[in-house]
PDB file of N, CA and C in Angstrom:
ATOM      1  N   MET A   1      15.402  10.534  -7.633  1.00  0.00           N
ATOM      2  CA  MET A   1      15.660  11.933  -7.369  1.00  0.00           C
ATOM      3  C   MET A   1      16.223  12.058  -5.953  1.00  0.00           C
ATOM      4  N   ASN A   2      17.187  12.957  -5.790  1.00  0.00           N
ATOM      5  CA  ASN A   2      17.696  13.248  -4.457  1.00  0.00           C
ATOM      6  C   ASN A   2      17.376  14.711  -4.115  1.00  0.00           C
ATOM      7  N   ALA A   3      17.732  15.138  -2.926  1.00  0.00           N
ATOM      8  CA  ALA A   3      17.411  16.491  -2.468  1.00  0.00           C
ATOM      9  C   ALA A   3      18.059  17.556  -3.351  1.00  0.00           C
ATOM     10  N   ASP A   4      19.261  17.306  -3.822  1.00  0.00           N
ATOM     11  CA  ASP A   4      19.933  18.266  -4.710  1.00  0.00           C
ATOM     12  C   ASP A   4      19.182  18.422  -6.031  1.00  0.00           C
ATOM     13  N   ASP A   5      18.674  17.314  -6.563  1.00  0.00           N
ATOM     14  CA  ASP A   5      17.895  17.371  -7.802  1.00  0.00           C
ATOM     15  C   ASP A   5      16.633  18.207  -7.610  1.00  0.00           C
ATOM     16  N   LEU A   6      15.953  17.982  -6.495  1.00  0.00           N
ATOM     17  CA  LEU A   6      14.737  18.753  -6.217  1.00  0.00           C
ATOM     18  C   LEU A   6      15.070  20.232  -6.071  1.00  0.00           C
ATOM     19  N   GLN A   7      16.124  20.529  -5.366  1.00  0.00           N
ATOM     20  CA  GLN A   7      16.538  21.919  -5.192  1.00  0.00           C
ATOM     21  C   GLN A   7      16.819  22.565  -6.550  1.00  0.00           C
ATOM     22  N   ASP A   8      17.499  21.867  -7.414  1.00  0.00           N
ATOM     23  CA  ASP A   8      17.811  22.385  -8.744  1.00  0.00           C
ATOM     24  C   ASP A   8      16.541  22.629  -9.554  1.00  0.00           C
ATOM     25  N   ARG A   9      15.605  21.712  -9.476  1.00  0.00           N
ATOM     26  CA  ARG A   9      14.361  21.861 -10.231  1.00  0.00           C
ATOM     27  C   ARG A   9      13.544  23.043  -9.724  1.00  0.00           C
ATOM     28  N   LEU A  10      13.510  23.243  -8.411  1.00  0.00           N
ATOM     29  CA  LEU A  10      12.781  24.390  -7.864  1.00  0.00           C
ATOM     30  C   LEU A  10      13.471  25.699  -8.226  1.00  0.00           C
ATOM     31  N   ALA A  11      14.785  25.693  -8.215  1.00  0.00           N
ATOM     32  CA  ALA A  11      15.536  26.907  -8.556  1.00  0.00           C
ATOM     33  C   ALA A  11      15.292  27.339 -10.000  1.00  0.00           C
ATOM     34  N   ARG A  12      14.990  26.406 -10.879  1.00  0.00           N
ATOM     35  CA  ARG A  12      14.789  26.707 -12.292  1.00  0.00           C
ATOM     36  C   ARG A  12      13.365  27.155 -12.631  1.00  0.00           C
ATOM     37  N   LEU A  13      12.445  26.995 -11.685  1.00  0.00           N
ATOM     38  CA  LEU A  13      11.067  27.415 -11.953  1.00  0.00           C
ATOM     39  C   LEU A  13      10.998  28.923 -12.122  1.00  0.00           C
ATOM     40  N   ARG A  14      10.248  29.345 -13.097  1.00  0.00           N
ATOM     41  CA  ARG A  14      10.000  30.773 -13.301  1.00  0.00           C
ATOM     42  C   ARG A  14       8.734  31.156 -12.560  1.00  0.00           C
ATOM     43  N   SER A  15       8.543  32.424 -12.401  1.00  0.00           N
ATOM     44  CA  SER A  15       7.361  32.943 -11.730  1.00  0.00           C
ATOM     45  C   SER A  15       6.094  32.372 -12.359  1.00  0.00           C
ATOM     46  N   GLY A  16       5.242  31.791 -11.528  1.00  0.00           N
ATOM     47  CA  GLY A  16       3.980  31.221 -11.981  1.00  0.00           C
ATOM     48  C   GLY A  16       4.064  29.794 -12.482  1.00  0.00           C
ATOM     49  N   GLU A  17       5.260  29.257 -12.705  1.00  0.00           N
ATOM     50  CA  GLU A  17       5.407  27.879 -13.172  1.00  0.00           C
ATOM     51  C   GLU A  17       5.152  26.899 -12.044  1.00  0.00           C
ATOM     52  N   THR A  18       4.790  25.681 -12.435  1.00  0.00           N
ATOM     53  CA  THR A  18       4.514  24.639 -11.456  1.00  0.00           C
ATOM     54  C   THR A  18       5.374  23.411 -11.717  1.00  0.00           C
ATOM     55  N   LEU A  19       5.499  22.619 -10.686  1.00  0.00           N
ATOM     56  CA  LEU A  19       6.199  21.343 -10.751  1.00  0.00           C
ATOM     57  C   LEU A  19       5.375  20.344  -9.952  1.00  0.00           C
ATOM     58  N   LEU A  20       4.938  19.269 -10.593  1.00  0.00           N
ATOM     59  CA  LEU A  20       4.123  18.248  -9.948  1.00  0.00           C
ATOM     60  C   LEU A  20       4.945  16.973  -9.849  1.00  0.00           C
ATOM     61  N   LEU A  21       5.092  16.476  -8.625  1.00  0.00           N
ATOM     62  CA  LEU A  21       5.905  15.286  -8.381  1.00  0.00           C
ATOM     63  C   LEU A  21       5.178  14.327  -7.450  1.00  0.00           C
ATOM     64  N   PRO A  22       5.486  13.036  -7.536  1.00  0.00           N
ATOM     65  CA  PRO A  22       4.909  12.081  -6.594  1.00  0.00           C
ATOM     66  C   PRO A  22       5.380  12.374  -5.159  1.00  0.00           C
ATOM     67  N   THR A  23       4.461  12.349  -4.240  1.00  0.00           N
ATOM     68  CA  THR A  23       4.783  12.633  -2.836  1.00  0.00           C
ATOM     69  C   THR A  23       5.873  11.696  -2.317  1.00  0.00           C
ATOM     70  N   ALA A  24       5.741  10.419  -2.607  1.00  0.00           N
ATOM     71  CA  ALA A  24       6.717   9.444  -2.107  1.00  0.00           C
ATOM     72  C   ALA A  24       8.125   9.750  -2.618  1.00  0.00           C
ATOM     73  N   GLU A  25       8.234  10.170  -3.869  1.00  0.00           N
ATOM     74  CA  GLU A  25       9.534  10.486  -4.456  1.00  0.00           C
ATOM     75  C   GLU A  25      10.165  11.700  -3.769  1.00  0.00           C
ATOM     76  N   VAL A  26       9.348  12.717  -3.510  1.00  0.00           N
ATOM     77  CA  VAL A  26       9.846  13.928  -2.856  1.00  0.00           C
ATOM     78  C   VAL A  26      10.290  13.617  -1.427  1.00  0.00           C
ATOM     79  N   GLU A  27       9.463  12.890  -0.706  1.00  0.00           N
ATOM     80  CA  GLU A  27       9.812  12.551   0.682  1.00  0.00           C
ATOM     81  C   GLU A  27      11.046  11.659   0.735  1.00  0.00           C
ATOM     82  N   GLN A  28      11.159  10.729  -0.200  1.00  0.00           N
ATOM     83  CA  GLN A  28      12.307   9.824  -0.224  1.00  0.00           C
ATOM     84  C   GLN A  28      13.614  10.573  -0.491  1.00  0.00           C
ATOM     85  N   ALA A  29      13.540  11.695  -1.200  1.00  0.00           N
ATOM     86  CA  ALA A  29      14.741  12.478  -1.490  1.00  0.00           C
ATOM     87  C   ALA A  29      15.425  12.964  -0.218  1.00  0.00           C
ATOM     88  N   PHE A  30      14.641  13.099   0.858  1.00  0.00           N
ATOM     89  CA  PHE A  30      15.193  13.588   2.118  1.00  0.00           C
ATOM     90  C   PHE A  30      15.465  12.476   3.133  1.00  0.00           C
ATOM     91  N   ALA A  31      15.186  11.240   2.756  1.00  0.00           N
ATOM     92  CA  ALA A  31      15.379  10.111   3.671  1.00  0.00           C
ATOM     93  C   ALA A  31      16.803   9.986   4.205  1.00  0.00           C
ATOM     94  N   PRO A  32      17.838  10.238   3.388  1.00  0.00           N
ATOM     95  CA  PRO A  32      19.196  10.106   3.927  1.00  0.00           C
ATOM     96  C   PRO A  32      19.526  11.129   5.024  1.00  0.00           C
ATOM     97  N   TYR A  33      18.755  12.209   5.085  1.00  0.00           N
ATOM     98  CA  TYR A  33      19.073  13.288   6.018  1.00  0.00           C
ATOM     99  C   TYR A  33      18.136  13.363   7.217  1.00  0.00           C
ATOM    100  N   TYR A  34      16.918  12.883   7.051  1.00  0.00           N
ATOM    101  CA  TYR A  34      15.904  12.994   8.102  1.00  0.00           C
ATOM    102  C   TYR A  34      15.227  11.644   8.293  1.00  0.00           C
ATOM    103  N   PRO A  35      15.310  11.086   9.494  1.00  0.00           N
ATOM    104  CA  PRO A  35      14.798   9.739   9.718  1.00  0.00           C
ATOM    105  C   PRO A  35      13.269   9.620   9.763  1.00  0.00           C
ATOM    106  N   THR A  36      12.575  10.679  10.155  1.00  0.00           N
ATOM    107  CA  THR A  36      11.123  10.555  10.287  1.00  0.00           C
ATOM    108  C   THR A  36      10.395  11.254   9.151  1.00  0.00           C
ATOM    109  N   LEU A  37       9.197  10.784   8.890  1.00  0.00           N
ATOM    110  CA  LEU A  37       8.370  11.377   7.847  1.00  0.00           C
ATOM    111  C   LEU A  37       8.061  12.835   8.149  1.00  0.00           C
ATOM    112  N   GLU A  38       7.821  13.165   9.392  1.00  0.00           N
ATOM    113  CA  GLU A  38       7.535  14.549   9.786  1.00  0.00           C
ATOM    114  C   GLU A  38       8.716  15.461   9.485  1.00  0.00           C
ATOM    115  N   GLU A  39       9.920  14.997   9.766  1.00  0.00           N
ATOM    116  CA  GLU A  39      11.120  15.789   9.483  1.00  0.00           C
ATOM    117  C   GLU A  39      11.318  15.973   7.982  1.00  0.00           C
ATOM    118  N   ARG A  40      11.032  14.935   7.213  1.00  0.00           N
ATOM    119  CA  ARG A  40      11.159  15.033   5.752  1.00  0.00           C
ATOM    120  C   ARG A  40      10.170  16.039   5.191  1.00  0.00           C
ATOM    121  N   ARG A  41       8.943  15.989   5.675  1.00  0.00           N
ATOM    122  CA  ARG A  41       7.928  16.928   5.196  1.00  0.00           C
ATOM    123  C   ARG A  41       8.285  18.362   5.571  1.00  0.00           C
ATOM    124  N   ALA A  42       8.833  18.546   6.753  1.00  0.00           N
ATOM    125  CA  ALA A  42       9.262  19.883   7.163  1.00  0.00           C
ATOM    126  C   ALA A  42      10.405  20.374   6.276  1.00  0.00           C
ATOM    127  N   ALA A  43      11.308  19.490   5.911  1.00  0.00           N
ATOM    128  CA  ALA A  43      12.423  19.860   5.031  1.00  0.00           C
ATOM    129  C   ALA A  43      11.914  20.254   3.652  1.00  0.00           C
ATOM    130  N   VAL A  44      10.931  19.537   3.146  1.00  0.00           N
ATOM    131  CA  VAL A  44      10.336  19.871   1.848  1.00  0.00           C
ATOM    132  C   VAL A  44       9.693  21.255   1.916  1.00  0.00           C
ATOM    133  N   ALA A  45       8.985  21.524   2.988  1.00  0.00           N
ATOM    134  CA  ALA A  45       8.336  22.831   3.150  1.00  0.00           C
ATOM    135  C   ALA A  45       9.367  23.951   3.236  1.00  0.00           C
ATOM    136  N   ARG A  46      10.463  23.720   3.960  1.00  0.00           N
ATOM    137  CA  ARG A  46      11.520  24.737   4.050  1.00  0.00           C
ATOM    138  C   ARG A  46      12.154  25.005   2.686  1.00  0.00           C
ATOM    139  N   LEU A  47      12.397  23.944   1.940  1.00  0.00           N
ATOM    140  CA  LEU A  47      12.990  24.101   0.621  1.00  0.00           C
ATOM    141  C   LEU A  47      12.046  24.867  -0.309  1.00  0.00           C
ATOM    142  N   ALA A  48      10.774  24.550  -0.254  1.00  0.00           N
ATOM    143  CA  ALA A  48       9.790  25.276  -1.061  1.00  0.00           C
ATOM    144  C   ALA A  48       9.809  26.759  -0.689  1.00  0.00           C
ATOM    145  N   GLY A  49       9.853  27.053   0.591  1.00  0.00           N
ATOM    146  CA  GLY A  49       9.896  28.444   1.043  1.00  0.00           C
ATOM    147  C   GLY A  49      11.151  29.167   0.588  1.00  0.00           C
ATOM    148  N   LEU A  50      12.259  28.468   0.608  1.00  0.00           N
ATOM    149  CA  LEU A  50      13.527  29.051   0.177  1.00  0.00           C
ATOM    150  C   LEU A  50      13.452  29.533  -1.274  1.00  0.00           C
ATOM    151  N   TYR A  51      12.738  28.779  -2.092  1.00  0.00           N
ATOM    152  CA  TYR A  51      12.612  29.136  -3.508  1.00  0.00           C
ATOM    153  C   TYR A  51      11.282  29.836  -3.815  1.00  0.00           C
ATOM    154  N   HIS A  52      10.645  30.345  -2.790  1.00  0.00           N
ATOM    155  CA  HIS A  52       9.417  31.128  -2.933  1.00  0.00           C
ATOM    156  C   HIS A  52       8.329  30.358  -3.682  1.00  0.00           C
ATOM    157  N   CYS A  53       8.181  29.097  -3.312  1.00  0.00           N
ATOM    158  CA  CYS A  53       7.166  28.249  -3.932  1.00  0.00           C
ATOM    159  C   CYS A  53       6.055  27.935  -2.936  1.00  0.00           C
ATOM    160  N   ARG A  54       4.833  27.959  -3.449  1.00  0.00           N
ATOM    161  CA  ARG A  54       3.716  27.439  -2.662  1.00  0.00           C
ATOM    162  C   ARG A  54       3.747  25.928  -2.808  1.00  0.00           C
ATOM    163  N   LEU A  55       3.324  25.268  -1.773  1.00  0.00           N
ATOM    164  CA  LEU A  55       3.360  23.814  -1.721  1.00  0.00           C
ATOM    165  C   LEU A  55       1.939  23.325  -1.480  1.00  0.00           C
ATOM    166  N   LYS A  56       1.480  22.399  -2.326  1.00  0.00           N
ATOM    167  CA  LYS A  56       0.141  21.844  -2.150  1.00  0.00           C
ATOM    168  C   LYS A  56       0.211  20.344  -2.350  1.00  0.00           C
ATOM    169  N   VAL A  57      -0.298  19.613  -1.375  1.00  0.00           N
ATOM    170  CA  VAL A  57      -0.385  18.162  -1.493  1.00  0.00           C
ATOM    171  C   VAL A  57      -1.743  17.859  -2.118  1.00  0.00           C
ATOM    172  N   CYS A  58      -1.743  17.079  -3.185  1.00  0.00           N
ATOM    173  CA  CYS A  58      -2.985  16.839  -3.918  1.00  0.00           C
ATOM    174  C   CYS A  58      -3.009  15.408  -4.456  1.00  0.00           C
ATOM    175  N   GLY A  59      -4.024  15.119  -5.227  1.00  0.00           N
ATOM    176  CA  GLY A  59      -4.161  13.792  -5.817  1.00  0.00           C
ATOM    177  C   GLY A  59      -4.858  12.833  -4.875  1.00  0.00           C
ATOM    178  N   SER A  60      -5.190  11.683  -5.412  1.00  0.00           N
ATOM    179  CA  SER A  60      -5.840  10.670  -4.577  1.00  0.00           C
ATOM    180  C   SER A  60      -4.868  10.210  -3.503  1.00  0.00           C
ATOM    181  N   SER A  61      -5.345  10.169  -2.306  1.00  0.00           N
ATOM    182  CA  SER A  61      -4.534   9.767  -1.138  1.00  0.00           C
ATOM    183  C   SER A  61      -3.305  10.648  -0.969  1.00  0.00           C
ATOM    184  N   GLU A  62      -3.418  11.926  -1.369  1.00  0.00           N
ATOM    185  CA  GLU A  62      -2.308  12.876  -1.251  1.00  0.00           C
ATOM    186  C   GLU A  62      -1.039  12.330  -1.899  1.00  0.00           C
ATOM    187  N   SER A  63      -1.201  11.802  -3.097  1.00  0.00           N
ATOM    188  CA  SER A  63      -0.107  11.111  -3.771  1.00  0.00           C
ATOM    189  C   SER A  63       0.822  12.020  -4.562  1.00  0.00           C
ATOM    190  N   GLN A  64       0.484  13.315  -4.646  1.00  0.00           N
ATOM    191  CA  GLN A  64       1.321  14.221  -5.422  1.00  0.00           C
ATOM    192  C   GLN A  64       1.545  15.526  -4.666  1.00  0.00           C
ATOM    193  N   ILE A  65       2.668  16.153  -4.969  1.00  0.00           N
ATOM    194  CA  ILE A  65       2.980  17.465  -4.414  1.00  0.00           C
ATOM    195  C   ILE A  65       3.130  18.436  -5.577  1.00  0.00           C
ATOM    196  N   LEU A  66       2.427  19.550  -5.476  1.00  0.00           N
ATOM    197  CA  LEU A  66       2.482  20.591  -6.490  1.00  0.00           C
ATOM    198  C   LEU A  66       3.231  21.789  -5.917  1.00  0.00           C
ATOM    199  N   PHE A  67       4.323  22.136  -6.567  1.00  0.00           N
ATOM    200  CA  PHE A  67       5.092  23.319  -6.210  1.00  0.00           C
ATOM    201  C   PHE A  67       4.738  24.399  -7.226  1.00  0.00           C
ATOM    202  N   THR A  68       4.433  25.594  -6.766  1.00  0.00           N
ATOM    203  CA  THR A  68       4.133  26.710  -7.670  1.00  0.00           C
ATOM    204  C   THR A  68       4.992  27.895  -7.264  1.00  0.00           C
ATOM    205  N   ARG A  69       5.788  28.399  -8.192  1.00  0.00           N
ATOM    206  CA  ARG A  69       6.639  29.550  -7.914  1.00  0.00           C
ATOM    207  C   ARG A  69       5.772  30.793  -7.812  1.00  0.00           C
ATOM    208  N   ASN A  70       5.937  31.546  -6.751  1.00  0.00           N
ATOM    209  CA  ASN A  70       5.135  32.746  -6.536  1.00  0.00           C
ATOM    210  C   ASN A  70       5.356  33.753  -7.656  1.00  0.00           C
ATOM    211  N   ASN A  71       4.303  34.463  -7.992  1.00  0.00           N
ATOM    212  CA  ASN A  71       4.338  35.411  -9.112  1.00  0.00           C
ATOM    213  C   ASN A  71       5.118  36.688  -8.826  1.00  0.00           C
ATOM    214  N   HIS A  72       5.373  37.003  -7.580  1.00  0.00           N
ATOM    215  CA  HIS A  72       5.996  38.288  -7.258  1.00  0.00           C
ATOM    216  C   HIS A  72       7.487  38.346  -7.525  1.00  0.00           C
ATOM    217  N   LEU A  73       8.078  37.297  -7.988  1.00  0.00           N
ATOM    218  CA  LEU A  73       9.525  37.295  -8.220  1.00  0.00           C
ATOM    219  C   LEU A  73       9.884  37.861  -9.568  1.00  0.00           C
TER     220      LEU A  73
END
Protein backbone atom coordinates (compact mmCIF):
# COMPACT_ATOMS: atom_id res chain seq x y z
CA MET A 1 0.00 0.00 0.00
CA ASN A 2 1.18 3.53 -0.70
CA ALA A 3 -0.05 6.89 0.61
CA ASP A 4 -2.41 7.36 -2.35
CA ASP A 5 -4.02 3.97 -1.67
CA LEU A 6 -4.57 4.89 1.98
CA GLN A 7 -6.02 8.24 1.00
CA ASP A 8 -8.42 6.55 -1.41
CA ARG A 9 -9.53 4.03 1.20
CA LEU A 10 -10.19 6.75 3.78
CA ALA A 11 -12.09 8.83 1.24
CA ARG A 12 -14.43 5.89 0.56
CA LEU A 13 -15.35 5.33 4.21
CA ARG A 14 -18.92 6.22 5.06
CA SER A 15 -19.99 7.81 8.30
CA GLY A 16 -19.39 5.38 11.17
CA GLU A 17 -17.39 2.88 9.07
CA THR A 18 -14.00 1.66 10.18
CA LEU A 19 -10.79 0.58 8.53
CA LEU A 20 -8.28 -1.57 10.42
CA LEU A 21 -4.76 -1.82 9.03
CA PRO A 22 -1.36 -3.00 10.26
CA THR A 23 0.59 -0.12 11.79
CA ALA A 24 3.77 -1.03 9.93
CA GLU A 25 1.95 -1.01 6.58
CA VAL A 26 0.42 2.41 7.22
CA GLU A 27 3.70 3.93 8.38
CA GLN A 28 5.59 2.39 5.46
CA ALA A 29 3.17 4.06 3.02
CA PHE A 30 4.69 7.40 4.02
CA ALA A 31 8.34 6.28 4.04
CA PRO A 32 9.12 7.74 0.60
CA TYR A 33 8.03 11.18 1.79
CA TYR A 34 9.06 11.35 5.45
CA PRO A 35 12.36 9.98 6.72
CA THR A 36 11.51 9.65 10.42
CA LEU A 37 8.90 7.59 12.18
CA GLU A 38 7.60 10.68 13.98
CA GLU A 39 7.05 12.49 10.67
CA ARG A 40 5.26 9.46 9.21
CA ARG A 41 2.95 9.22 12.21
CA ALA A 42 2.18 12.92 11.98
CA ALA A 43 1.36 12.52 8.28
CA VAL A 44 -1.01 9.64 9.07
CA ALA A 45 -2.74 11.77 11.70
CA ARG A 46 -3.10 14.69 9.27
CA LEU A 47 -4.56 12.43 6.61
CA ALA A 48 -7.03 10.96 9.09
CA GLY A 49 -8.07 14.49 10.08
CA LEU A 50 -8.49 15.51 6.46
CA TYR A 51 -11.04 12.74 5.99
CA HIS A 52 -12.70 13.34 9.37
CA CYS A 53 -11.52 10.04 10.80
CA ARG A 54 -10.66 9.22 14.37
CA LEU A 55 -7.38 7.40 14.67
CA LYS A 56 -6.69 4.74 17.29
CA VAL A 57 -3.57 2.63 17.64
CA CYS A 58 -4.53 -0.76 19.04
CA GLY A 59 -3.63 -4.43 19.13
CA SER A 60 -0.75 -6.16 20.81
CA SER A 61 2.32 -3.95 20.74
CA GLU A 62 0.26 -1.27 18.96
CA SER A 63 0.35 -3.39 15.83
CA GLN A 64 -2.82 -2.03 14.23
CA ILE A 65 -4.36 1.32 13.39
CA LEU A 66 -8.12 1.75 13.43
CA PHE A 67 -9.58 4.59 11.39
CA THR A 68 -13.22 5.46 12.11
CA ARG A 69 -15.12 7.98 9.99
CA ASN A 70 -16.90 10.48 12.21
CA ASN A 71 -20.68 10.17 12.30
CA HIS A 72 -21.41 13.86 11.73
CA LEU A 73 -20.70 13.75 8.01
